[in-house]
Amino acid sequence: MSKLTKKDLKAIFTKAKEEGSKFVFVGIEAEGVQETICIPERSFVEKHAFTREVTLTI
């Protein structure tokens, strides 16, 4: 599994918004548990802002 940077995630949300995507799916692994998070279009702006506020290791 590769790691996403905040820059990568920000670019994903920007592209999804530009392309009119309805969802972004992010696969994560934490403490040995794998899961996929589905982020709906209505949350893109908030998640985009989130990438500026925290350090992510995905």
PDB file of N, CA and C in Angstrom:
ATOM      1  N   MET A   1       0.851  -1.178   0.000  1.00  0.00           N
ATOM      2  CA  MET A   1       0.000   0.000   0.000  1.00  0.00           C
ATOM      3  C   MET A   1       0.894   1.238   0.000  1.00  0.00           C
ATOM      4  N   SER A   2       0.570   2.198  -0.840  1.00  0.00           N
ATOM      5  CA  SER A   2       1.358   3.419  -0.907  1.00  0.00           C
ATOM      6  C   SER A   2       0.767   4.470   0.023  1.00  0.00           C
ATOM      7  N   LYS A   3       1.586   5.449   0.347  1.00  0.00           N
ATOM      8  CA  LYS A   3       1.133   6.530   1.218  1.00  0.00           C
ATOM      9  C   LYS A   3       0.721   7.729   0.386  1.00  0.00           C
ATOM     10  N   LEU A   4      -0.369   8.336   0.786  1.00  0.00           N
ATOM     11  CA  LEU A   4      -0.855   9.548   0.161  1.00  0.00           C
ATOM     12  C   LEU A   4      -0.367  10.734   0.982  1.00  0.00           C
ATOM     13  N   THR A   5       0.051  11.761   0.309  1.00  0.00           N
ATOM     14  CA  THR A   5       0.406  12.991   1.007  1.00  0.00           C
ATOM     15  C   THR A   5      -0.811  13.904   1.045  1.00  0.00           C
ATOM     16  N   LYS A   6      -0.730  14.949   1.862  1.00  0.00           N
ATOM     17  CA  LYS A   6      -1.818  15.918   1.882  1.00  0.00           C
ATOM     18  C   LYS A   6      -1.986  16.537   0.499  1.00  0.00           C
ATOM     19  N   LYS A   7      -0.879  16.765  -0.190  1.00  0.00           N
ATOM     20  CA  LYS A   7      -0.924  17.340  -1.535  1.00  0.00           C
ATOM     21  C   LYS A   7      -1.682  16.410  -2.486  1.00  0.00           C
ATOM     22  N   ASP A   8      -1.414  15.091  -2.394  1.00  0.00           N
ATOM     23  CA  ASP A   8      -2.109  14.105  -3.226  1.00  0.00           C
ATOM     24  C   ASP A   8      -3.611  14.133  -2.966  1.00  0.00           C
ATOM     25  N   LEU A   9      -3.977  14.121  -1.702  1.00  0.00           N
ATOM     26  CA  LEU A   9      -5.391  14.077  -1.343  1.00  0.00           C
ATOM     27  C   LEU A   9      -6.099  15.358  -1.769  1.00  0.00           C
ATOM     28  N   LYS A  10      -5.446  16.481  -1.606  1.00  0.00           N
ATOM     29  CA  LYS A  10      -6.016  17.757  -2.042  1.00  0.00           C
ATOM     30  C   LYS A  10      -6.273  17.729  -3.553  1.00  0.00           C
ATOM     31  N   ALA A  11      -5.311  17.199  -4.311  1.00  0.00           N
ATOM     32  CA  ALA A  11      -5.452  17.098  -5.766  1.00  0.00           C
ATOM     33  C   ALA A  11      -6.604  16.164  -6.145  1.00  0.00           C
ATOM     34  N   ILE A  12      -6.794  15.106  -5.404  1.00  0.00           N
ATOM     35  CA  ILE A  12      -7.886  14.165  -5.671  1.00  0.00           C
ATOM     36  C   ILE A  12      -9.235  14.856  -5.516  1.00  0.00           C
ATOM     37  N   PHE A  13      -9.406  15.622  -4.433  1.00  0.00           N
ATOM     38  CA  PHE A  13     -10.679  16.318  -4.222  1.00  0.00           C
ATOM     39  C   PHE A  13     -10.892  17.415  -5.259  1.00  0.00           C
ATOM     40  N   THR A  14      -9.835  18.106  -5.649  1.00  0.00           N
ATOM     41  CA  THR A  14      -9.944  19.141  -6.682  1.00  0.00           C
ATOM     42  C   THR A  14     -10.389  18.519  -8.004  1.00  0.00           C
ATOM     43  N   LYS A  15      -9.753  17.413  -8.393  1.00  0.00           N
ATOM     44  CA  LYS A  15     -10.090  16.750  -9.647  1.00  0.00           C
ATOM     45  C   LYS A  15     -11.513  16.183  -9.607  1.00  0.00           C
ATOM     46  N   ALA A  16     -11.878  15.599  -8.491  1.00  0.00           N
ATOM     47  CA  ALA A  16     -13.226  15.038  -8.357  1.00  0.00           C
ATOM     48  C   ALA A  16     -14.278  16.127  -8.529  1.00  0.00           C
ATOM     49  N   LYS A  17     -14.032  17.287  -7.929  1.00  0.00           N
ATOM     50  CA  LYS A  17     -14.979  18.394  -8.055  1.00  0.00           C
ATOM     51  C   LYS A  17     -15.049  18.887  -9.502  1.00  0.00           C
ATOM     52  N   GLU A  18     -13.881  19.030 -10.152  1.00  0.00           N
ATOM     53  CA  GLU A  18     -13.830  19.487 -11.540  1.00  0.00           C
ATOM     54  C   GLU A  18     -14.553  18.534 -12.484  1.00  0.00           C
ATOM     55  N   GLU A  19     -14.448  17.233 -12.216  1.00  0.00           N
ATOM     56  CA  GLU A  19     -15.046  16.223 -13.084  1.00  0.00           C
ATOM     57  C   GLU A  19     -16.498  15.906 -12.732  1.00  0.00           C
ATOM     58  N   GLY A  20     -17.005  16.526 -11.675  1.00  0.00           N
ATOM     59  CA  GLY A  20     -18.387  16.279 -11.278  1.00  0.00           C
ATOM     60  C   GLY A  20     -18.600  14.922 -10.631  1.00  0.00           C
ATOM     61  N   SER A  21     -17.567  14.384 -10.016  1.00  0.00           N
ATOM     62  CA  SER A  21     -17.685  13.080  -9.347  1.00  0.00           C
ATOM     63  C   SER A  21     -18.656  13.176  -8.179  1.00  0.00           C
ATOM     64  N   LYS A  22     -19.389  12.127  -7.966  1.00  0.00           N
ATOM     65  CA  LYS A  22     -20.350  12.094  -6.866  1.00  0.00           C
ATOM     66  C   LYS A  22     -19.717  11.593  -5.570  1.00  0.00           C
ATOM     67  N   PHE A  23     -18.629  10.824  -5.686  1.00  0.00           N
ATOM     68  CA  PHE A  23     -17.971  10.250  -4.512  1.00  0.00           C
ATOM     69  C   PHE A  23     -16.466  10.163  -4.729  1.00  0.00           C
ATOM     70  N   VAL A  24     -15.721  10.160  -3.615  1.00  0.00           N
ATOM     71  CA  VAL A  24     -14.306   9.808  -3.612  1.00  0.00           C
ATOM     72  C   VAL A  24     -14.178   8.657  -2.613  1.00  0.00           C
ATOM     73  N   PHE A  25     -13.485   7.613  -3.026  1.00  0.00           N
ATOM     74  CA  PHE A  25     -13.256   6.476  -2.154  1.00  0.00           C
ATOM     75  C   PHE A  25     -11.785   6.459  -1.754  1.00  0.00           C
ATOM     76  N   VAL A  26     -11.528   6.333  -0.451  1.00  0.00           N
ATOM     77  CA  VAL A  26     -10.168   6.312   0.057  1.00  0.00           C
ATOM     78  C   VAL A  26      -9.989   5.021   0.856  1.00  0.00           C
ATOM     79  N   GLY A  27      -9.005   4.220   0.458  1.00  0.00           N
ATOM     80  CA  GLY A  27      -8.695   3.002   1.199  1.00  0.00           C
ATOM     81  C   GLY A  27      -7.638   3.309   2.242  1.00  0.00           C
ATOM     82  N   ILE A  28      -7.856   2.865   3.459  1.00  0.00           N
ATOM     83  CA  ILE A  28      -6.897   3.113   4.526  1.00  0.00           C
ATOM     84  C   ILE A  28      -6.601   1.819   5.282  1.00  0.00           C
ATOM     85  N   GLU A  29      -5.468   1.823   5.932  1.00  0.00           N
ATOM     86  CA  GLU A  29      -5.118   0.726   6.825  1.00  0.00           C
ATOM     87  C   GLU A  29      -4.555   1.345   8.088  1.00  0.00           C
ATOM     88  N   ALA A  30      -5.142   1.003   9.219  1.00  0.00           N
ATOM     89  CA  ALA A  30      -4.700   1.528  10.502  1.00  0.00           C
ATOM     90  C   ALA A  30      -4.783   0.424  11.534  1.00  0.00           C
ATOM     91  N   GLU A  31      -3.700   0.224  12.234  1.00  0.00           N
ATOM     92  CA  GLU A  31      -3.651  -0.793  13.286  1.00  0.00           C
ATOM     93  C   GLU A  31      -4.100  -2.158  12.778  1.00  0.00           C
ATOM     94  N   GLY A  32      -3.688  -2.487  11.551  1.00  0.00           N
ATOM     95  CA  GLY A  32      -3.976  -3.791  10.979  1.00  0.00           C
ATOM     96  C   GLY A  32      -5.377  -3.956  10.409  1.00  0.00           C
ATOM     97  N   VAL A  33      -6.174  -2.914  10.443  1.00  0.00           N
ATOM     98  CA  VAL A  33      -7.541  -2.974   9.922  1.00  0.00           C
ATOM     99  C   VAL A  33      -7.598  -2.206   8.606  1.00  0.00           C
ATOM    100  N   GLN A  34      -8.124  -2.859   7.581  1.00  0.00           N
ATOM    101  CA  GLN A  34      -8.270  -2.211   6.281  1.00  0.00           C
ATOM    102  C   GLN A  34      -9.730  -1.810   6.098  1.00  0.00           C
ATOM    103  N   GLU A  35      -9.931  -0.602   5.576  1.00  0.00           N
ATOM    104  CA  GLU A  35     -11.287  -0.160   5.287  1.00  0.00           C
ATOM    105  C   GLU A  35     -11.279   0.843   4.149  1.00  0.00           C
ATOM    106  N   THR A  36     -12.433   1.039   3.576  1.00  0.00           N
ATOM    107  CA  THR A  36     -12.610   2.016   2.508  1.00  0.00           C
ATOM    108  C   THR A  36     -13.612   3.048   2.990  1.00  0.00           C
ATOM    109  N   ILE A  37     -13.227   4.303   2.849  1.00  0.00           N
ATOM    110  CA  ILE A  37     -14.106   5.395   3.250  1.00  0.00           C
ATOM    111  C   ILE A  37     -14.695   6.008   1.986  1.00  0.00           C
ATOM    112  N   CYS A  38     -16.002   6.192   1.981  1.00  0.00           N
ATOM    113  CA  CYS A  38     -16.718   6.805   0.861  1.00  0.00           C
ATOM    114  C   CYS A  38     -17.065   8.236   1.260  1.00  0.00           C
ATOM    115  N   ILE A  39     -16.544   9.201   0.502  1.00  0.00           N
ATOM    116  CA  ILE A  39     -16.774  10.608   0.802  1.00  0.00           C
ATOM    117  C   ILE A  39     -17.687  11.180  -0.286  1.00  0.00           C
ATOM    118  N   PRO A  40     -18.880  11.609   0.088  1.00  0.00           N
ATOM    119  CA  PRO A  40     -19.826  12.134  -0.897  1.00  0.00           C
ATOM    120  C   PRO A  40     -19.444  13.541  -1.363  1.00  0.00           C
ATOM    121  N   GLU A  41     -19.936  13.903  -2.517  1.00  0.00           N
ATOM    122  CA  GLU A  41     -19.653  15.201  -3.132  1.00  0.00           C
ATOM    123  C   GLU A  41     -19.915  16.363  -2.171  1.00  0.00           C
ATOM    124  N   ARG A  42     -20.968  16.281  -1.398  1.00  0.00           N
ATOM    125  CA  ARG A  42     -21.314  17.385  -0.493  1.00  0.00           C
ATOM    126  C   ARG A  42     -20.240  17.651   0.566  1.00  0.00           C
ATOM    127  N   SER A  43     -19.322  16.697   0.768  1.00  0.00           N
ATOM    128  CA  SER A  43     -18.262  16.852   1.767  1.00  0.00           C
ATOM    129  C   SER A  43     -16.908  17.225   1.167  1.00  0.00           C
ATOM    130  N   PHE A  44     -16.813  17.359  -0.154  1.00  0.00           N
ATOM    131  CA  PHE A  44     -15.521  17.631  -0.801  1.00  0.00           C
ATOM    132  C   PHE A  44     -14.868  18.900  -0.261  1.00  0.00           C
ATOM    133  N   VAL A  45     -15.637  19.968  -0.111  1.00  0.00           N
ATOM    134  CA  VAL A  45     -15.056  21.243   0.343  1.00  0.00           C
ATOM    135  C   VAL A  45     -14.485  21.100   1.753  1.00  0.00           C
ATOM    136  N   GLU A  46     -15.223  20.455   2.640  1.00  0.00           N
ATOM    137  CA  GLU A  46     -14.758  20.274   4.011  1.00  0.00           C
ATOM    138  C   GLU A  46     -13.521  19.377   4.072  1.00  0.00           C
ATOM    139  N   LYS A  47     -13.511  18.314   3.277  1.00  0.00           N
ATOM    140  CA  LYS A  47     -12.356  17.407   3.278  1.00  0.00           C
ATOM    141  C   LYS A  47     -11.148  18.082   2.643  1.00  0.00           C
ATOM    142  N   HIS A  48     -11.377  18.897   1.633  1.00  0.00           N
ATOM    143  CA  HIS A  48     -10.293  19.654   1.007  1.00  0.00           C
ATOM    144  C   HIS A  48      -9.671  20.574   2.057  1.00  0.00           C
ATOM    145  N   ALA A  49     -10.498  21.254   2.845  1.00  0.00           N
ATOM    146  CA  ALA A  49     -10.002  22.131   3.907  1.00  0.00           C
ATOM    147  C   ALA A  49      -9.283  21.321   4.983  1.00  0.00           C
ATOM    148  N   PHE A  50      -9.787  20.138   5.276  1.00  0.00           N
ATOM    149  CA  PHE A  50      -9.193  19.238   6.272  1.00  0.00           C
ATOM    150  C   PHE A  50      -7.740  18.919   5.919  1.00  0.00           C
ATOM    151  N   THR A  51      -7.458  18.774   4.642  1.00  0.00           N
ATOM    152  CA  THR A  51      -6.094  18.427   4.221  1.00  0.00           C
ATOM    153  C   THR A  51      -5.116  19.542   4.501  1.00  0.00           C
ATOM    154  N   ARG A  52      -5.596  20.761   4.713  1.00  0.00           N
ATOM    155  CA  ARG A  52      -4.708  21.872   5.040  1.00  0.00           C
ATOM    156  C   ARG A  52      -4.438  21.945   6.532  1.00  0.00           C
ATOM    157  N   GLU A  53      -5.247  21.281   7.356  1.00  0.00           N
ATOM    158  CA  GLU A  53      -5.200  21.448   8.804  1.00  0.00           C
ATOM    159  C   GLU A  53      -4.476  20.331   9.553  1.00  0.00           C
ATOM    160  N   VAL A  54      -4.338  19.169   8.958  1.00  0.00           N
ATOM    161  CA  VAL A  54      -3.767  18.042   9.679  1.00  0.00           C
ATOM    162  C   VAL A  54      -2.719  17.324   8.849  1.00  0.00           C
ATOM    163  N   THR A  55      -1.924  16.528   9.508  1.00  0.00           N
ATOM    164  CA  THR A  55      -0.975  15.677   8.818  1.00  0.00           C
ATOM    165  C   THR A  55      -1.628  14.323   8.626  1.00  0.00           C
ATOM    166  N   LEU A  56      -1.624  13.837   7.389  1.00  0.00           N
ATOM    167  CA  LEU A  56      -2.277  12.569   7.065  1.00  0.00           C
ATOM    168  C   LEU A  56      -1.244  11.499   6.728  1.00  0.00           C
ATOM    169  N   THR A  57      -1.476  10.326   7.227  1.00  0.00           N
ATOM    170  CA  THR A  57      -0.735   9.153   6.774  1.00  0.00           C
ATOM    171  C   THR A  57      -1.772   8.130   6.387  1.00  0.00           C
ATOM    172  N   ILE A  58      -1.905   7.942   5.088  1.00  0.00           N
ATOM    173  CA  ILE A  58      -2.946   7.034   4.580  1.00  0.00           C
ATOM    174  C   ILE A  58      -2.283   5.906   3.834  1.00  0.00           C
TER     175      ILE A  58
END
